[in-house]
């Protein structure tokens, strides 16, 4: 909701939760060209590192602990930690506590990613090839498996 002073306020009833991601704002809705989501996850949740070409991403850890995984490094994160991922930098998160919650400031290319993944799953097309194509369409370039850092 926009206030009379041109400030945006999203109260909890205005936020849209989809699985483990609560959509706050897409880049197309913001004046800064970035999107914001709240993400929750459980221990061990990880996947592959990835890269956003030409766009930054940021995280603020609210609850729980996790590892920030780079191409060849691991940095532990605790509540209150802020992470800035510069453009073209390989990164991923791995949850190390039972649960975690963080605010993600997403690059504009990720607008619509969640909707596209949900649509594919609803159509029974949640195979790796389809999900990789969707990520590619949203400029998410795969990095390496996080397990290689163990």
N, C-alpha and C. Protein backbone atom coordinates (compact mmCIF):
# COMPACT_ATOMS: atom_id res chain seq x y z
N UNK A 1 0.84 -1.16 0.00
CA UNK A 1 0.00 0.00 0.00
C UNK A 1 0.89 1.24 0.00
N UNK A 2 0.57 2.18 -0.85
CA UNK A 2 1.31 3.44 -0.89
C UNK A 2 0.61 4.45 0.01
N UNK A 3 1.39 5.16 0.83
CA UNK A 3 0.83 6.18 1.70
C UNK A 3 0.65 7.47 0.92
N UNK A 4 0.00 8.44 1.54
CA UNK A 4 -0.18 9.75 0.91
C UNK A 4 1.15 10.45 0.66
N UNK A 5 2.18 10.04 1.41
CA UNK A 5 3.52 10.63 1.24
C UNK A 5 4.40 9.84 0.28
N UNK A 6 3.78 8.93 -0.48
CA UNK A 6 4.49 8.12 -1.46
C UNK A 6 5.50 7.16 -0.82
N UNK A 7 5.13 6.58 0.30
CA UNK A 7 5.92 5.56 0.98
C UNK A 7 5.16 4.24 0.87
N UNK A 8 5.88 3.15 0.62
CA UNK A 8 5.19 1.87 0.52
C UNK A 8 5.26 1.15 1.85
N UNK A 9 4.13 0.62 2.29
CA UNK A 9 4.02 -0.16 3.52
C UNK A 9 3.31 -1.46 3.17
N UNK A 10 3.94 -2.58 3.52
CA UNK A 10 3.32 -3.88 3.32
C UNK A 10 3.09 -4.52 4.68
N UNK A 11 1.89 -4.45 5.17
CA UNK A 11 1.54 -5.11 6.42
C UNK A 11 1.43 -6.61 6.16
N UNK A 12 1.49 -7.42 7.21
CA UNK A 12 1.44 -8.87 7.01
C UNK A 12 0.28 -9.33 6.12
N UNK A 13 -0.88 -8.71 6.24
CA UNK A 13 -2.02 -9.14 5.41
C UNK A 13 -1.84 -8.80 3.93
N UNK A 14 -0.88 -7.93 3.61
CA UNK A 14 -0.61 -7.57 2.21
C UNK A 14 0.45 -8.47 1.56
N UNK A 15 1.12 -9.28 2.37
CA UNK A 15 2.20 -10.11 1.88
C UNK A 15 1.65 -11.45 1.37
N UNK A 16 2.28 -11.99 0.36
CA UNK A 16 1.81 -13.24 -0.25
C UNK A 16 2.82 -14.35 0.03
N UNK A 17 2.39 -15.36 0.80
CA UNK A 17 3.26 -16.49 1.12
C UNK A 17 3.03 -17.60 0.12
N UNK A 18 4.14 -18.13 -0.40
CA UNK A 18 4.11 -19.26 -1.34
C UNK A 18 5.15 -20.26 -0.88
N UNK A 19 4.70 -21.29 -0.22
CA UNK A 19 5.64 -22.27 0.29
C UNK A 19 6.55 -21.63 1.33
N UNK A 20 7.85 -21.71 1.12
CA UNK A 20 8.80 -21.17 2.08
C UNK A 20 9.22 -19.73 1.75
N UNK A 21 8.57 -19.10 0.78
CA UNK A 21 8.93 -17.74 0.39
C UNK A 21 7.72 -16.83 0.53
N UNK A 22 7.91 -15.71 1.21
CA UNK A 22 6.88 -14.68 1.32
C UNK A 22 7.28 -13.51 0.45
N UNK A 23 6.50 -13.26 -0.58
CA UNK A 23 6.78 -12.17 -1.52
C UNK A 23 6.45 -10.84 -0.86
N UNK A 24 7.41 -9.94 -0.82
CA UNK A 24 7.18 -8.60 -0.30
C UNK A 24 7.03 -7.60 -1.43
N UNK A 25 7.97 -7.62 -2.37
CA UNK A 25 7.93 -6.66 -3.47
C UNK A 25 8.76 -7.16 -4.64
N UNK A 26 8.23 -7.02 -5.83
CA UNK A 26 8.99 -7.36 -7.02
C UNK A 26 9.77 -6.13 -7.48
N UNK A 27 10.74 -6.34 -8.31
CA UNK A 27 11.53 -5.21 -8.83
C UNK A 27 10.65 -4.25 -9.61
N UNK A 28 9.66 -4.78 -10.32
CA UNK A 28 8.79 -3.90 -11.11
C UNK A 28 7.92 -3.01 -10.22
N UNK A 29 7.70 -3.40 -8.96
CA UNK A 29 6.93 -2.60 -8.02
C UNK A 29 7.78 -1.59 -7.26
N UNK A 30 9.08 -1.80 -7.24
CA UNK A 30 9.96 -0.93 -6.45
C UNK A 30 10.50 0.21 -7.31
N UNK A 31 10.94 1.24 -6.65
CA UNK A 31 11.56 2.36 -7.37
C UNK A 31 13.06 2.14 -7.52
N UNK A 32 13.60 1.14 -6.84
CA UNK A 32 15.03 0.89 -6.90
C UNK A 32 15.43 -0.23 -7.83
N UNK A 33 14.47 -0.92 -8.42
CA UNK A 33 14.79 -1.98 -9.36
C UNK A 33 15.21 -3.28 -8.70
N UNK A 34 14.76 -3.53 -7.47
CA UNK A 34 15.07 -4.80 -6.81
C UNK A 34 13.81 -5.32 -6.15
N UNK A 35 13.79 -6.61 -5.88
CA UNK A 35 12.67 -7.26 -5.21
C UNK A 35 13.07 -7.69 -3.82
N UNK A 36 12.09 -7.97 -2.97
CA UNK A 36 12.36 -8.40 -1.60
C UNK A 36 11.44 -9.55 -1.24
N UNK A 37 12.01 -10.57 -0.61
CA UNK A 37 11.25 -11.72 -0.14
C UNK A 37 11.78 -12.15 1.22
N UNK A 38 10.90 -12.77 2.02
CA UNK A 38 11.31 -13.46 3.24
C UNK A 38 11.37 -14.94 2.91
N UNK A 39 12.46 -15.60 3.31
CA UNK A 39 12.65 -17.00 3.00
C UNK A 39 12.83 -17.77 4.30
N UNK A 40 12.20 -18.93 4.41
CA UNK A 40 12.42 -19.82 5.54
C UNK A 40 12.89 -21.17 5.01
N UNK A 41 13.64 -21.86 5.81
CA UNK A 41 14.11 -23.17 5.40
C UNK A 41 14.53 -24.01 6.58
N UNK A 42 14.76 -25.28 6.33
CA UNK A 42 15.15 -26.23 7.36
C UNK A 42 16.58 -26.70 7.15
N UNK A 43 17.14 -27.25 8.20
CA UNK A 43 18.54 -27.73 8.20
C UNK A 43 18.86 -28.53 6.94
N UNK A 44 20.03 -28.28 6.42
CA UNK A 44 20.51 -29.01 5.27
C UNK A 44 20.02 -28.49 3.93
N UNK A 45 19.04 -27.57 3.96
CA UNK A 45 18.54 -27.04 2.70
C UNK A 45 19.68 -26.34 1.99
N UNK A 46 19.92 -26.76 0.80
CA UNK A 46 20.97 -26.15 -0.02
C UNK A 46 20.72 -26.60 -1.45
N UNK A 47 21.67 -26.53 -2.22
CA UNK A 47 21.54 -26.94 -3.61
C UNK A 47 22.84 -26.65 -4.31
N UNK A 48 22.76 -25.80 -5.29
CA UNK A 48 23.94 -25.40 -6.03
C UNK A 48 24.19 -23.92 -5.78
N UNK A 49 25.44 -23.54 -5.88
CA UNK A 49 25.70 -22.12 -5.90
C UNK A 49 25.22 -21.60 -7.25
N UNK A 50 25.08 -20.28 -7.35
CA UNK A 50 24.62 -19.70 -8.60
C UNK A 50 25.19 -18.29 -8.75
N UNK A 51 24.97 -17.72 -9.91
CA UNK A 51 25.53 -16.40 -10.26
C UNK A 51 24.44 -15.57 -10.91
N UNK A 52 24.38 -14.29 -10.56
CA UNK A 52 23.50 -13.33 -11.23
C UNK A 52 24.41 -12.38 -12.01
N UNK A 53 24.41 -12.51 -13.32
CA UNK A 53 25.27 -11.67 -14.15
C UNK A 53 24.77 -10.22 -14.15
N UNK A 54 25.66 -9.32 -13.77
CA UNK A 54 25.37 -7.89 -13.83
C UNK A 54 24.47 -7.35 -12.73
N UNK A 55 24.05 -8.20 -11.77
CA UNK A 55 23.16 -7.73 -10.71
C UNK A 55 23.62 -8.24 -9.34
N UNK A 56 23.48 -7.38 -8.34
CA UNK A 56 23.81 -7.74 -6.96
C UNK A 56 22.63 -8.44 -6.29
N UNK A 57 22.90 -9.06 -5.16
CA UNK A 57 21.88 -9.65 -4.31
C UNK A 57 22.34 -9.42 -2.87
N UNK A 58 21.40 -9.37 -1.94
CA UNK A 58 21.75 -9.16 -0.54
C UNK A 58 20.86 -10.01 0.34
N UNK A 59 21.38 -10.34 1.53
CA UNK A 59 20.65 -11.14 2.51
C UNK A 59 20.83 -10.52 3.89
N UNK A 60 19.78 -10.58 4.71
CA UNK A 60 19.86 -10.22 6.12
C UNK A 60 19.30 -11.40 6.90
N UNK A 61 20.12 -11.98 7.77
CA UNK A 61 19.74 -13.17 8.51
C UNK A 61 18.90 -12.75 9.71
N UNK A 62 17.67 -13.28 9.78
CA UNK A 62 16.74 -12.94 10.86
C UNK A 62 16.79 -13.99 11.97
N UNK A 63 16.69 -15.25 11.62
CA UNK A 63 16.69 -16.35 12.59
C UNK A 63 17.54 -17.50 12.06
N UNK A 64 18.15 -18.23 12.99
CA UNK A 64 18.88 -19.43 12.63
C UNK A 64 20.29 -19.14 12.15
N UNK A 65 20.95 -20.21 11.78
CA UNK A 65 22.34 -20.11 11.32
C UNK A 65 22.46 -20.80 9.97
N UNK A 66 23.38 -20.29 9.17
CA UNK A 66 23.61 -20.88 7.86
C UNK A 66 25.02 -20.58 7.41
N UNK A 67 25.42 -21.22 6.34
CA UNK A 67 26.71 -20.96 5.72
C UNK A 67 26.48 -20.21 4.42
N UNK A 68 27.30 -19.20 4.20
CA UNK A 68 27.37 -18.55 2.89
C UNK A 68 28.45 -19.30 2.13
N UNK A 69 28.08 -19.89 1.02
CA UNK A 69 29.01 -20.70 0.24
C UNK A 69 29.38 -19.97 -1.03
N UNK A 70 30.67 -19.74 -1.21
CA UNK A 70 31.17 -19.15 -2.43
C UNK A 70 31.73 -20.23 -3.33
N UNK A 71 32.44 -19.83 -4.35
CA UNK A 71 33.02 -20.80 -5.28
C UNK A 71 34.02 -21.71 -4.58
N UNK A 72 34.71 -21.20 -3.56
CA UNK A 72 35.70 -22.03 -2.87
C UNK A 72 35.77 -21.74 -1.37
N UNK A 73 34.82 -21.02 -0.81
CA UNK A 73 34.87 -20.69 0.61
C UNK A 73 33.52 -20.88 1.27
N UNK A 74 33.56 -21.02 2.60
CA UNK A 74 32.35 -21.10 3.42
C UNK A 74 32.50 -20.09 4.54
N UNK A 75 31.46 -19.26 4.75
CA UNK A 75 31.46 -18.28 5.83
C UNK A 75 30.21 -18.48 6.66
N UNK A 76 30.38 -18.78 7.98
CA UNK A 76 29.20 -18.95 8.83
C UNK A 76 28.44 -17.63 9.00
N UNK A 77 27.09 -17.73 9.02
CA UNK A 77 26.23 -16.56 9.22
C UNK A 77 25.32 -16.82 10.41
N UNK A 78 25.11 -15.77 11.22
CA UNK A 78 24.23 -15.83 12.39
C UNK A 78 23.20 -14.71 12.30
N UNK A 79 22.14 -14.75 13.11
CA UNK A 79 21.15 -13.68 13.07
C UNK A 79 21.80 -12.30 13.22
N UNK A 80 21.36 -11.37 12.39
CA UNK A 80 21.91 -10.03 12.38
C UNK A 80 22.97 -9.82 11.32
N UNK A 81 23.45 -10.91 10.70
CA UNK A 81 24.46 -10.78 9.65
C UNK A 81 23.81 -10.25 8.37
N UNK A 82 24.54 -9.39 7.69
CA UNK A 82 24.12 -8.85 6.40
C UNK A 82 25.15 -9.26 5.37
N UNK A 83 24.68 -9.72 4.22
CA UNK A 83 25.56 -10.18 3.14
C UNK A 83 25.24 -9.40 1.87
N UNK A 84 26.26 -8.88 1.24
CA UNK A 84 26.12 -8.27 -0.09
C UNK A 84 26.87 -9.14 -1.07
N UNK A 85 26.18 -9.63 -2.08
CA UNK A 85 26.79 -10.43 -3.13
C UNK A 85 26.93 -9.54 -4.36
N UNK A 86 28.16 -9.16 -4.71
CA UNK A 86 28.35 -8.31 -5.90
C UNK A 86 27.92 -9.03 -7.18
N UNK A 87 27.67 -8.28 -8.24
CA UNK A 87 27.31 -8.91 -9.52
C UNK A 87 28.38 -9.93 -9.93
N UNK A 88 27.95 -10.97 -10.61
CA UNK A 88 28.85 -11.96 -11.21
C UNK A 88 29.64 -12.76 -10.18
N UNK A 89 29.10 -12.90 -8.95
CA UNK A 89 29.80 -13.61 -7.88
C UNK A 89 29.05 -14.88 -7.52
N UNK A 90 29.72 -16.01 -7.59
CA UNK A 90 29.10 -17.29 -7.25
C UNK A 90 28.77 -17.33 -5.76
N UNK A 91 27.54 -17.78 -5.43
CA UNK A 91 27.12 -17.81 -4.04
C UNK A 91 25.96 -18.79 -3.84
N UNK A 92 25.76 -19.20 -2.61
CA UNK A 92 24.63 -20.04 -2.22
C UNK A 92 24.55 -20.06 -0.71
N UNK A 93 23.44 -20.50 -0.17
CA UNK A 93 23.25 -20.60 1.28
C UNK A 93 22.94 -22.04 1.66
N UNK A 94 23.49 -22.46 2.80
CA UNK A 94 23.20 -23.80 3.34
C UNK A 94 22.81 -23.61 4.80
N UNK A 95 21.62 -24.07 5.17
CA UNK A 95 21.12 -23.90 6.53
C UNK A 95 21.78 -24.93 7.44
N UNK A 96 22.35 -24.46 8.57
CA UNK A 96 23.04 -25.34 9.51
C UNK A 96 22.30 -25.50 10.83
N UNK A 97 21.32 -24.64 11.13
CA UNK A 97 20.49 -24.80 12.32
C UNK A 97 19.23 -25.57 11.92
N UNK A 98 18.37 -25.88 12.90
CA UNK A 98 17.15 -26.63 12.58
C UNK A 98 16.30 -25.88 11.56
N UNK A 99 16.17 -24.56 11.73
CA UNK A 99 15.41 -23.71 10.82
C UNK A 99 16.12 -22.37 10.69
N UNK A 100 15.81 -21.64 9.64
CA UNK A 100 16.38 -20.31 9.44
C UNK A 100 15.38 -19.45 8.69
N UNK A 101 15.53 -18.15 8.87
CA UNK A 101 14.69 -17.19 8.16
C UNK A 101 15.56 -16.00 7.79
N UNK A 102 15.42 -15.54 6.52
CA UNK A 102 16.21 -14.40 6.09
C UNK A 102 15.44 -13.56 5.09
N UNK A 103 15.84 -12.29 5.03
CA UNK A 103 15.33 -11.35 4.05
C UNK A 103 16.28 -11.38 2.88
N UNK A 104 15.75 -11.59 1.69
CA UNK A 104 16.57 -11.58 0.48
C UNK A 104 16.16 -10.39 -0.38
N UNK A 105 17.14 -9.60 -0.76
CA UNK A 105 16.94 -8.49 -1.69
C UNK A 105 17.42 -9.01 -3.03
N UNK A 106 16.45 -9.27 -3.92
CA UNK A 106 16.72 -9.98 -5.16
C UNK A 106 16.93 -9.06 -6.34
N UNK A 107 17.77 -9.49 -7.29
CA UNK A 107 17.93 -8.73 -8.52
C UNK A 107 16.66 -8.76 -9.37
N UNK A 108 16.51 -7.78 -10.21
CA UNK A 108 15.28 -7.64 -11.01
C UNK A 108 15.00 -8.84 -11.91
N UNK A 109 16.03 -9.54 -12.34
CA UNK A 109 15.83 -10.69 -13.22
C UNK A 109 15.01 -11.80 -12.54
N UNK A 110 14.94 -11.79 -11.22
CA UNK A 110 14.20 -12.84 -10.52
C UNK A 110 12.71 -12.56 -10.44
N UNK A 111 12.25 -11.40 -10.90
CA UNK A 111 10.81 -11.13 -10.95
C UNK A 111 10.11 -12.25 -11.71
N UNK A 112 9.10 -12.84 -11.10
CA UNK A 112 8.32 -13.90 -11.75
C UNK A 112 8.87 -15.30 -11.58
N UNK A 113 10.06 -15.45 -11.03
CA UNK A 113 10.66 -16.79 -10.88
C UNK A 113 9.77 -17.71 -10.06
N UNK A 114 9.30 -17.23 -8.91
CA UNK A 114 8.49 -18.07 -8.03
C UNK A 114 7.20 -18.49 -8.74
N UNK A 115 6.55 -17.56 -9.43
CA UNK A 115 5.33 -17.87 -10.17
C UNK A 115 5.59 -18.91 -11.25
N UNK A 116 6.69 -18.77 -11.97
CA UNK A 116 7.01 -19.72 -13.03
C UNK A 116 7.29 -21.12 -12.49
N UNK A 117 8.01 -21.20 -11.35
CA UNK A 117 8.29 -22.50 -10.74
C UNK A 117 7.00 -23.14 -10.25
N UNK A 118 6.15 -22.34 -9.59
CA UNK A 118 4.86 -22.87 -9.11
C UNK A 118 3.99 -23.37 -10.26
N UNK A 119 3.94 -22.63 -11.35
CA UNK A 119 3.14 -23.04 -12.51
C UNK A 119 3.65 -24.36 -13.08
N UNK A 120 4.97 -24.48 -13.19
CA UNK A 120 5.54 -25.72 -13.72
C UNK A 120 5.22 -26.90 -12.81
N UNK A 121 5.32 -26.69 -11.50
CA UNK A 121 5.00 -27.77 -10.55
C UNK A 121 3.54 -28.16 -10.65
N UNK A 122 2.65 -27.18 -10.76
CA UNK A 122 1.21 -27.44 -10.87
C UNK A 122 0.88 -28.25 -12.13
N UNK A 123 1.70 -28.08 -13.17
CA UNK A 123 1.50 -28.81 -14.42
C UNK A 123 2.26 -30.14 -14.42
N UNK A 124 2.91 -30.47 -13.30
CA UNK A 124 3.68 -31.71 -13.21
C UNK A 124 5.00 -31.65 -13.94
N UNK A 125 5.48 -30.44 -14.22
CA UNK A 125 6.75 -30.27 -14.94
C UNK A 125 7.81 -29.73 -13.99
N UNK A 126 8.07 -30.45 -12.90
CA UNK A 126 9.07 -29.97 -11.95
C UNK A 126 10.36 -30.80 -12.02
N UNK A 127 10.63 -31.32 -13.21
CA UNK A 127 11.86 -32.06 -13.43
C UNK A 127 13.04 -31.08 -13.51
N UNK A 128 14.23 -31.59 -13.33
CA UNK A 128 15.44 -30.76 -13.31
C UNK A 128 15.58 -29.93 -14.59
N UNK A 129 15.31 -30.52 -15.74
CA UNK A 129 15.47 -29.81 -17.01
C UNK A 129 14.55 -28.58 -17.08
N UNK A 130 13.29 -28.76 -16.69
CA UNK A 130 12.34 -27.64 -16.72
C UNK A 130 12.74 -26.56 -15.73
N UNK A 131 13.09 -26.97 -14.50
CA UNK A 131 13.48 -25.99 -13.48
C UNK A 131 14.77 -25.26 -13.88
N UNK A 132 15.70 -25.96 -14.49
CA UNK A 132 16.92 -25.30 -14.98
C UNK A 132 16.59 -24.28 -16.07
N UNK A 133 15.65 -24.62 -16.95
CA UNK A 133 15.25 -23.68 -18.01
C UNK A 133 14.60 -22.44 -17.41
N UNK A 134 13.77 -22.62 -16.40
CA UNK A 134 13.13 -21.47 -15.75
C UNK A 134 14.19 -20.60 -15.08
N UNK A 135 15.11 -21.21 -14.37
CA UNK A 135 16.19 -20.43 -13.73
C UNK A 135 16.99 -19.66 -14.77
N UNK A 136 17.29 -20.31 -15.88
CA UNK A 136 18.04 -19.65 -16.95
C UNK A 136 17.29 -18.45 -17.50
N UNK A 137 15.99 -18.61 -17.68
CA UNK A 137 15.14 -17.52 -18.17
C UNK A 137 15.17 -16.32 -17.23
N UNK A 138 15.43 -16.59 -15.95
CA UNK A 138 15.50 -15.52 -14.95
C UNK A 138 16.95 -15.18 -14.59
N UNK A 139 17.85 -15.48 -15.49
CA UNK A 139 19.27 -15.11 -15.37
C UNK A 139 19.96 -15.68 -14.14
N UNK A 140 19.56 -16.89 -13.74
CA UNK A 140 20.25 -17.58 -12.66
C UNK A 140 21.16 -18.60 -13.32
N UNK A 141 22.44 -18.30 -13.30
CA UNK A 141 23.44 -19.17 -13.92
C UNK A 141 23.96 -20.15 -12.87
N UNK A 142 23.93 -21.45 -13.14
CA UNK A 142 24.36 -22.40 -12.12
C UNK A 142 25.86 -22.30 -11.83
N UNK A 143 26.17 -22.52 -10.56
CA UNK A 143 27.55 -22.64 -10.12
C UNK A 143 27.81 -24.11 -9.86
N UNK A 144 28.54 -24.39 -8.80
CA UNK A 144 28.84 -25.76 -8.45
C UNK A 144 27.96 -26.27 -7.33
N UNK A 145 27.99 -27.58 -7.08
CA UNK A 145 27.23 -28.12 -5.97
C UNK A 145 27.84 -27.67 -4.65
N UNK A 146 27.00 -27.32 -3.69
CA UNK A 146 27.50 -26.85 -2.40
C UNK A 146 28.25 -27.98 -1.70
N UNK A 147 27.86 -29.21 -1.92
CA UNK A 147 28.50 -30.35 -1.27
C UNK A 147 30.01 -30.37 -1.54
N UNK A 148 30.47 -29.81 -2.65
CA UNK A 148 31.90 -29.85 -2.94
C UNK A 148 32.72 -29.04 -1.95
N UNK A 149 32.05 -28.24 -1.12
CA UNK A 149 32.77 -27.44 -0.16
C UNK A 149 32.92 -28.13 1.19
N UNK A 150 32.31 -29.32 1.36
CA UNK A 150 32.38 -30.03 2.64
C UNK A 150 33.77 -30.62 2.85
